[in-house]
Amino acid sequence: FLDVANHKTYFIYLAADGIVDAEMFPSDLRNCLNDPLWRACGSNVGVDLARLKQFGVNMRYRLDTVQLGRILSEAGQACGLADLAERSLGVHLDKSPRNEIWSSKPLPMFQIIYAVTDGRMSRILQESCSIWLKEVQR
């Protein structure tokens, strides 16, 4: 998630077996995420936003890299965050950790690094691909 005003990226772990009741969701976090200066950014971020809605969080998302990839693939190009990062920024992303089991508590450090790297790369793409974003947000 992006704090646009302070130019920061945050990773929030939404475990399937974690918070089950809106009253358990930290109110300070809910208030931050509901601030209009915060944006969600990532792969299939709409799924995360639907889950957060159960806890009283109503954010609009800024960038879904899957949507961006679909727009590019319609132009005959590969889609996916790794492809977008490689093509637009020349950065190689190792996507192998995505196939790991994500229900461990706590998450192993390599999975946290993977998730944070994906979030940060999504943010960098959001900032650098304004032409593509105009298309995604239509």
Protein backbone atom coordinates (compact mmCIF):
# COMPACT_ATOMS: atom_id res chain seq x y z
CA PHE A 1 0.00 0.00 0.00
CA LEU A 2 1.22 3.47 -0.79
CA ASP A 3 1.27 6.51 1.46
CA VAL A 4 1.29 9.04 -1.36
CA ALA A 5 1.88 12.07 0.86
CA ASN A 6 5.03 10.62 2.42
CA HIS A 7 6.21 8.55 -0.59
CA LYS A 8 6.33 5.31 1.41
CA THR A 9 5.35 1.74 0.62
CA TYR A 10 3.91 -0.63 3.24
CA PHE A 11 3.46 -4.39 3.21
CA ILE A 12 0.37 -5.70 5.03
CA TYR A 13 0.10 -9.47 5.42
CA LEU A 14 -3.52 -10.58 4.96
CA ALA A 15 -3.31 -14.22 6.04
CA ALA A 16 -6.39 -16.29 5.24
CA ASP A 17 -6.52 -17.52 8.83
CA GLY A 18 -5.73 -14.15 10.41
CA ILE A 19 -8.23 -11.45 11.34
CA VAL A 20 -11.79 -12.74 11.06
CA ASP A 21 -13.80 -9.92 12.62
CA ALA A 22 -13.91 -6.24 11.69
CA GLU A 23 -13.62 -5.33 15.38
CA MET A 24 -10.25 -7.13 15.51
CA PHE A 25 -8.86 -4.96 12.69
CA PRO A 26 -6.68 -2.19 14.17
CA SER A 27 -8.65 1.06 13.99
CA ASP A 28 -5.50 3.16 13.42
CA LEU A 29 -4.64 1.03 10.40
CA ARG A 30 -8.24 1.26 9.12
CA ASN A 31 -8.12 5.06 9.43
CA CYS A 32 -4.81 5.26 7.54
CA LEU A 33 -6.00 3.01 4.71
CA ASN A 34 -9.24 4.96 4.37
CA ASP A 35 -7.31 8.21 3.94
CA PRO A 36 -7.69 9.35 0.30
CA LEU A 37 -3.92 9.86 0.04
CA TRP A 38 -3.35 6.10 0.38
CA ARG A 39 -3.46 3.82 -2.67
CA ALA A 40 -3.24 0.09 -3.12
CA CYS A 41 -0.75 -1.14 -5.64
CA GLY A 42 0.17 -4.67 -6.72
CA SER A 43 -0.82 -7.85 -8.49
CA ASN A 44 -4.56 -8.63 -8.38
CA VAL A 45 -4.88 -5.92 -5.75
CA GLY A 46 -8.66 -5.95 -6.20
CA VAL A 47 -8.75 -9.27 -4.32
CA ASP A 48 -6.96 -7.68 -1.35
CA LEU A 49 -9.26 -4.65 -1.45
CA ALA A 50 -12.35 -6.88 -1.43
CA ARG A 51 -10.97 -8.64 1.64
CA LEU A 52 -10.15 -5.34 3.36
CA LYS A 53 -13.69 -4.12 2.71
CA GLN A 54 -14.88 -6.76 5.20
CA PHE A 55 -12.93 -4.82 7.84
CA GLY A 56 -14.31 -1.38 7.00
CA VAL A 57 -11.50 -0.36 4.65
CA ASN A 58 -12.74 1.30 1.47
CA MET A 59 -9.74 2.20 -0.66
CA ARG A 60 -9.61 2.75 -4.35
CA TYR A 61 -6.65 1.18 -6.00
CA ARG A 62 -4.05 2.98 -7.98
CA LEU A 63 -2.38 0.21 -9.91
CA ASP A 64 -3.13 -3.42 -10.56
CA THR A 65 -0.14 -4.83 -12.42
CA VAL A 66 -2.31 -7.64 -13.81
CA GLN A 67 -4.58 -5.06 -15.51
CA LEU A 68 -1.56 -3.18 -16.79
CA GLY A 69 -0.13 -6.43 -18.15
CA ARG A 70 -3.41 -7.25 -19.91
CA ILE A 71 -3.37 -3.88 -21.66
CA LEU A 72 0.17 -4.53 -22.83
CA SER A 73 -0.54 -8.12 -23.84
CA GLU A 74 -3.36 -6.88 -26.08
CA ALA A 75 -0.60 -5.07 -27.91
CA GLY A 76 1.18 -8.42 -28.34
CA GLN A 77 3.52 -8.05 -25.39
CA ALA A 78 3.97 -10.38 -22.40
CA CYS A 79 2.23 -9.44 -19.17
CA GLY A 80 3.10 -9.88 -15.50
CA LEU A 81 5.05 -7.83 -12.99
CA ALA A 82 8.39 -9.42 -13.90
CA ASP A 83 7.83 -8.66 -17.60
CA LEU A 84 6.76 -5.10 -16.85
CA ALA A 85 9.79 -4.52 -14.61
CA GLU A 86 12.17 -6.00 -17.17
CA ARG A 87 10.71 -4.11 -20.11
CA SER A 88 10.18 -0.70 -18.57
CA LEU A 89 12.94 -0.56 -15.94
CA GLY A 90 15.50 -3.20 -16.97
CA VAL A 91 15.10 -4.90 -13.58
CA HIS A 92 15.01 -8.70 -13.19
CA LEU A 93 12.59 -10.02 -10.56
CA ASP A 94 12.92 -13.54 -9.16
CA LYS A 95 9.32 -14.79 -9.04
CA SER A 96 10.10 -18.31 -7.75
CA PRO A 97 9.00 -17.56 -4.13
CA ARG A 98 5.41 -17.02 -5.28
CA ASN A 99 5.00 -20.81 -5.46
CA GLU A 100 5.88 -21.28 -1.79
CA ILE A 101 3.37 -21.96 0.99
CA TRP A 102 2.22 -18.59 2.36
CA SER A 103 0.32 -19.76 5.46
CA SER A 104 3.41 -20.08 7.70
CA LYS A 105 3.50 -17.94 10.82
CA PRO A 106 5.66 -16.01 10.87
CA LEU A 107 6.54 -15.81 7.20
CA PRO A 108 10.14 -16.74 6.41
CA MET A 109 12.31 -13.70 5.66
CA PHE A 110 12.76 -14.64 1.98
CA GLN A 111 8.97 -14.49 1.49
CA ILE A 112 8.71 -11.14 3.25
CA ILE A 113 11.52 -9.80 1.04
CA TYR A 114 9.75 -11.18 -2.03
CA ALA A 115 6.42 -9.55 -1.07
CA VAL A 116 8.00 -6.21 -0.21
CA THR A 117 10.03 -6.24 -3.45
CA ASP A 118 6.86 -6.89 -5.46
CA GLY A 119 5.10 -4.02 -3.68
CA ARG A 120 7.99 -1.64 -4.19
CA MET A 121 8.33 -2.61 -7.84
CA SER A 122 4.61 -1.98 -8.30
CA ARG A 123 5.07 1.45 -6.79
CA ILE A 124 8.08 2.22 -9.01
CA LEU A 125 6.05 1.15 -12.04
CA GLN A 126 3.14 3.31 -10.86
CA GLU A 127 5.43 6.31 -10.74
CA SER A 128 7.23 5.62 -14.01
CA CYS A 129 4.41 4.44 -16.26
CA SER A 130 2.00 7.36 -16.24
CA ILE A 131 0.95 6.77 -19.85
CA TRP A 132 0.01 3.16 -19.12
CA LEU A 133 -1.75 4.17 -15.89
CA LYS A 134 -4.09 6.55 -17.68
CA GLU A 135 -5.22 3.56 -19.73
CA VAL A 136 -5.54 1.27 -16.68
CA GLN A 137 -7.63 3.76 -14.72
CA ARG A 138 -10.27 4.21 -17.43
